[in-house]
Amino acid sequence: HREALQCARRVLRGAYQDADMHAIMAECYSRLGDLGKAKNHYLRALERQRGRREFGYGLASVLWQREEYAELETLLQRILRQDPADPYAAYYRALCLPHLELPYVETIPELQAQLRQRGADPQLMHALGREYLQKIIFTP
């Protein structure tokens, strides 16, 4: 990944507006564990080509790893406005909602809808169980 990063840097010196090169740099930084730089380059790629869904997915992955759930939810909403049937955005939005401290009447139905669509997904089951425990069972 370091070699690919160096190549992308050389290309960007001559063509800074190249969205694909920013995305390559973002992916390299993500794989190397530098999520701050990865986020920065995904944002640059999206500034140059807003409609590229794969850039949004890459940014979503980085935001998830950085636990920046509010920003992630905003990004996923933007993807869902472009394509309301996007299965990845709907899935990760459902997983993101419990981290935003929203009322369970908003989070649980979203998680349940995703479980009905996807079956017994461990991530969804965990999020739903956590919502039940934290917001229904242990709420005074």
C-alpha atoms as a PDB file:
ATOM      1  CA  HIS A   1       0.000   0.000   0.000  1.00  0.00           C
ATOM      2  CA  ARG A   2       2.909   2.342   0.610  1.00  0.00           C
ATOM      3  CA  GLU A   3       4.096   1.959  -2.973  1.00  0.00           C
ATOM      4  CA  ALA A   4       0.600   2.666  -4.331  1.00  0.00           C
ATOM      5  CA  LEU A   5       0.440   5.711  -2.080  1.00  0.00           C
ATOM      6  CA  GLN A   6       3.703   7.049  -3.506  1.00  0.00           C
ATOM      7  CA  CYS A   7       2.494   6.515  -7.074  1.00  0.00           C
ATOM      8  CA  ALA A   8      -0.792   8.292  -6.372  1.00  0.00           C
ATOM      9  CA  ARG A   9       1.086  11.220  -4.806  1.00  0.00           C
ATOM     10  CA  ARG A  10       3.178  11.595  -7.960  1.00  0.00           C
ATOM     11  CA  VAL A  11       0.059  11.616 -10.123  1.00  0.00           C
ATOM     12  CA  LEU A  12      -1.668  14.163  -7.876  1.00  0.00           C
ATOM     13  CA  ARG A  13       1.289  16.548  -8.160  1.00  0.00           C
ATOM     14  CA  GLY A  14       0.406  16.935 -11.824  1.00  0.00           C
ATOM     15  CA  ALA A  15      -3.350  16.407 -11.638  1.00  0.00           C
ATOM     16  CA  TYR A  16      -4.561  17.452  -8.185  1.00  0.00           C
ATOM     17  CA  GLN A  17      -8.197  17.370  -9.270  1.00  0.00           C
ATOM     18  CA  ASP A  18      -8.092  13.640 -10.064  1.00  0.00           C
ATOM     19  CA  ALA A  19     -10.826  12.134  -7.886  1.00  0.00           C
ATOM     20  CA  ASP A  20      -9.718   8.574  -8.543  1.00  0.00           C
ATOM     21  CA  MET A  21      -6.220   9.291  -7.254  1.00  0.00           C
ATOM     22  CA  HIS A  22      -7.655  10.810  -4.085  1.00  0.00           C
ATOM     23  CA  ALA A  23      -9.749   7.663  -3.651  1.00  0.00           C
ATOM     24  CA  ILE A  24      -6.686   5.465  -4.141  1.00  0.00           C
ATOM     25  CA  MET A  25      -4.793   7.500  -1.560  1.00  0.00           C
ATOM     26  CA  ALA A  26      -7.766   7.262   0.799  1.00  0.00           C
ATOM     27  CA  GLU A  27      -7.897   3.487   0.479  1.00  0.00           C
ATOM     28  CA  CYS A  28      -4.130   3.198   0.998  1.00  0.00           C
ATOM     29  CA  TYR A  29      -4.242   5.372   4.098  1.00  0.00           C
ATOM     30  CA  SER A  30      -7.204   3.379   5.386  1.00  0.00           C
ATOM     31  CA  ARG A  31      -5.327   0.095   4.944  1.00  0.00           C
ATOM     32  CA  LEU A  32      -2.276   1.602   6.649  1.00  0.00           C
ATOM     33  CA  GLY A  33      -4.431   2.672   9.622  1.00  0.00           C
ATOM     34  CA  ASP A  34      -4.237   6.438   9.073  1.00  0.00           C
ATOM     35  CA  LEU A  35      -7.982   7.029   9.103  1.00  0.00           C
ATOM     36  CA  GLY A  36      -7.706  10.813   9.392  1.00  0.00           C
ATOM     37  CA  LYS A  37      -5.854  11.067   6.085  1.00  0.00           C
ATOM     38  CA  ALA A  38      -8.141   8.460   4.550  1.00  0.00           C
ATOM     39  CA  LYS A  39     -11.178  10.540   5.483  1.00  0.00           C
ATOM     40  CA  ASN A  40      -9.576  13.683   4.081  1.00  0.00           C
ATOM     41  CA  HIS A  41      -8.869  12.068   0.715  1.00  0.00           C
ATOM     42  CA  TYR A  42     -12.330  10.500   0.444  1.00  0.00           C
ATOM     43  CA  LEU A  43     -13.810  13.943   1.087  1.00  0.00           C
ATOM     44  CA  ARG A  44     -11.594  15.413  -1.652  1.00  0.00           C
ATOM     45  CA  ALA A  45     -12.656  12.668  -4.046  1.00  0.00           C
ATOM     46  CA  LEU A  46     -16.328  13.334  -3.271  1.00  0.00           C
ATOM     47  CA  GLU A  47     -15.860  17.093  -3.733  1.00  0.00           C
ATOM     48  CA  ARG A  48     -14.662  16.388  -7.255  1.00  0.00           C
ATOM     49  CA  GLN A  49     -17.199  13.690  -8.149  1.00  0.00           C
ATOM     50  CA  ARG A  50     -20.230  13.741  -5.855  1.00  0.00           C
ATOM     51  CA  GLY A  51     -22.110  11.023  -7.683  1.00  0.00           C
ATOM     52  CA  ARG A  52     -19.503   8.290  -7.210  1.00  0.00           C
ATOM     53  CA  ARG A  53     -21.172   5.920  -4.800  1.00  0.00           C
ATOM     54  CA  GLU A  54     -17.975   3.910  -4.200  1.00  0.00           C
ATOM     55  CA  PHE A  55     -16.326   7.036  -2.774  1.00  0.00           C
ATOM     56  CA  GLY A  56     -19.246   7.399  -0.394  1.00  0.00           C
ATOM     57  CA  TYR A  57     -18.947   3.772   0.648  1.00  0.00           C
ATOM     58  CA  GLY A  58     -15.227   4.225   1.284  1.00  0.00           C
ATOM     59  CA  LEU A  59     -15.877   7.304   3.392  1.00  0.00           C
ATOM     60  CA  ALA A  60     -18.632   5.447   5.256  1.00  0.00           C
ATOM     61  CA  SER A  61     -16.192   2.690   6.136  1.00  0.00           C
ATOM     62  CA  VAL A  62     -13.692   5.198   7.502  1.00  0.00           C
ATOM     63  CA  LEU A  63     -16.350   7.065   9.491  1.00  0.00           C
ATOM     64  CA  TRP A  64     -17.545   3.763  10.976  1.00  0.00           C
ATOM     65  CA  GLN A  65     -14.022   2.860  12.053  1.00  0.00           C
ATOM     66  CA  ARG A  66     -13.499   6.336  13.517  1.00  0.00           C
ATOM     67  CA  GLU A  67     -16.852   6.034  15.333  1.00  0.00           C
ATOM     68  CA  GLU A  68     -18.057   9.303  13.788  1.00  0.00           C
ATOM     69  CA  TYR A  69     -21.640   8.151  13.758  1.00  0.00           C
ATOM     70  CA  ALA A  70     -23.402  11.506  13.301  1.00  0.00           C
ATOM     71  CA  GLU A  71     -21.372  12.298  10.198  1.00  0.00           C
ATOM     72  CA  LEU A  72     -21.835   8.726   8.977  1.00  0.00           C
ATOM     73  CA  GLU A  73     -25.599   8.941   9.361  1.00  0.00           C
ATOM     74  CA  THR A  74     -25.647  12.188   7.361  1.00  0.00           C
ATOM     75  CA  LEU A  75     -23.623  10.560   4.581  1.00  0.00           C
ATOM     76  CA  LEU A  76     -25.871   7.490   4.526  1.00  0.00           C
ATOM     77  CA  GLN A  77     -28.969   9.692   4.357  1.00  0.00           C
ATOM     78  CA  ARG A  78     -27.459  11.458   1.331  1.00  0.00           C
ATOM     79  CA  ILE A  79     -26.829   8.090  -0.364  1.00  0.00           C
ATOM     80  CA  LEU A  80     -30.391   6.973   0.442  1.00  0.00           C
ATOM     81  CA  ARG A  81     -31.823  10.191  -1.040  1.00  0.00           C
ATOM     82  CA  GLN A  82     -30.051   9.306  -4.313  1.00  0.00           C
ATOM     83  CA  ASP A  83     -31.171   5.678  -4.137  1.00  0.00           C
ATOM     84  CA  PRO A  84     -33.770   4.826  -1.461  1.00  0.00           C
ATOM     85  CA  ALA A  85     -33.296   1.106  -2.165  1.00  0.00           C
ATOM     86  CA  ASP A  86     -29.533   1.099  -1.561  1.00  0.00           C
ATOM     87  CA  PRO A  87     -29.093  -2.005   0.614  1.00  0.00           C
ATOM     88  CA  TYR A  88     -25.676  -1.079   2.013  1.00  0.00           C
ATOM     89  CA  ALA A  89     -26.670   2.414   3.079  1.00  0.00           C
ATOM     90  CA  ALA A  90     -29.875   1.135   4.716  1.00  0.00           C
ATOM     91  CA  TYR A  91     -27.969  -1.598   6.563  1.00  0.00           C
ATOM     92  CA  TYR A  92     -25.248   0.650   7.928  1.00  0.00           C
ATOM     93  CA  ARG A  93     -27.715   3.404   8.762  1.00  0.00           C
ATOM     94  CA  ALA A  94     -29.657   0.941  10.915  1.00  0.00           C
ATOM     95  CA  LEU A  95     -26.412  -0.070  12.662  1.00  0.00           C
ATOM     96  CA  CYS A  96     -25.420   3.569  13.098  1.00  0.00           C
ATOM     97  CA  LEU A  97     -28.663   4.823  14.682  1.00  0.00           C
ATOM     98  CA  PRO A  98     -28.197   3.224  18.140  1.00  0.00           C
ATOM     99  CA  HIS A  99     -24.887   5.071  18.510  1.00  0.00           C
ATOM    100  CA  LEU A 100     -26.679   8.411  18.119  1.00  0.00           C
ATOM    101  CA  GLU A 101     -28.651   8.040  21.360  1.00  0.00           C
ATOM    102  CA  LEU A 102     -31.944   8.304  19.532  1.00  0.00           C
ATOM    103  CA  PRO A 103     -35.185   7.137  21.130  1.00  0.00           C
ATOM    104  CA  TYR A 104     -35.780   3.404  20.781  1.00  0.00           C
ATOM    105  CA  VAL A 105     -39.008   4.084  18.878  1.00  0.00           C
ATOM    106  CA  GLU A 106     -36.766   5.257  16.016  1.00  0.00           C
ATOM    107  CA  THR A 107     -33.925   2.768  16.271  1.00  0.00           C
ATOM    108  CA  ILE A 108     -35.654  -0.548  16.977  1.00  0.00           C
ATOM    109  CA  PRO A 109     -38.020  -0.471  13.962  1.00  0.00           C
ATOM    110  CA  GLU A 110     -35.075   0.265  11.635  1.00  0.00           C
ATOM    111  CA  LEU A 111     -33.081  -2.633  13.071  1.00  0.00           C
ATOM    112  CA  GLN A 112     -36.085  -4.942  12.881  1.00  0.00           C
ATOM    113  CA  ALA A 113     -36.730  -3.992   9.248  1.00  0.00           C
ATOM    114  CA  GLN A 114     -33.138  -4.821   8.340  1.00  0.00           C
ATOM    115  CA  LEU A 115     -33.365  -8.143  10.174  1.00  0.00           C
ATOM    116  CA  ARG A 116     -36.509  -9.032   8.231  1.00  0.00           C
ATOM    117  CA  GLN A 117     -34.701  -8.264   4.978  1.00  0.00           C
ATOM    118  CA  ARG A 118     -31.351  -9.882   5.785  1.00  0.00           C
ATOM    119  CA  GLY A 119     -32.131 -12.631   8.232  1.00  0.00           C
ATOM    120  CA  ALA A 120     -30.205 -13.312  11.448  1.00  0.00           C
ATOM    121  CA  ASP A 121     -27.268 -10.967  10.852  1.00  0.00           C
ATOM    122  CA  PRO A 122     -24.980 -10.941  13.926  1.00  0.00           C
ATOM    123  CA  GLN A 123     -24.297  -7.191  13.791  1.00  0.00           C
ATOM    124  CA  LEU A 124     -27.985  -6.357  13.582  1.00  0.00           C
ATOM    125  CA  MET A 125     -28.877  -8.865  16.304  1.00  0.00           C
ATOM    126  CA  HIS A 126     -26.249  -7.356  18.596  1.00  0.00           C
ATOM    127  CA  ALA A 127     -27.429  -3.806  17.948  1.00  0.00           C
ATOM    128  CA  LEU A 128     -31.061  -4.762  18.501  1.00  0.00           C
ATOM    129  CA  GLY A 129     -30.264  -6.619  21.713  1.00  0.00           C
ATOM    130  CA  ARG A 130     -28.267  -3.654  22.984  1.00  0.00           C
ATOM    131  CA  GLU A 131     -31.175  -1.326  22.208  1.00  0.00           C
ATOM    132  CA  TYR A 132     -33.616  -3.538  24.088  1.00  0.00           C
ATOM    133  CA  LEU A 133     -31.312  -3.812  27.090  1.00  0.00           C
ATOM    134  CA  GLN A 134     -30.293  -0.167  27.297  1.00  0.00           C
ATOM    135  CA  LYS A 135     -33.482   1.590  26.330  1.00  0.00           C
ATOM    136  CA  ILE A 136     -36.362  -0.650  27.285  1.00  0.00           C
ATOM    137  CA  ILE A 137     -35.343  -3.070  30.022  1.00  0.00           C
ATOM    138  CA  PHE A 138     -33.010  -0.812  32.007  1.00  0.00           C
ATOM    139  CA  THR A 139     -34.793   2.491  31.488  1.00  0.00           C
ATOM    140  CA  PRO A 140     -36.520   3.587  34.695  1.00  0.00           C
END
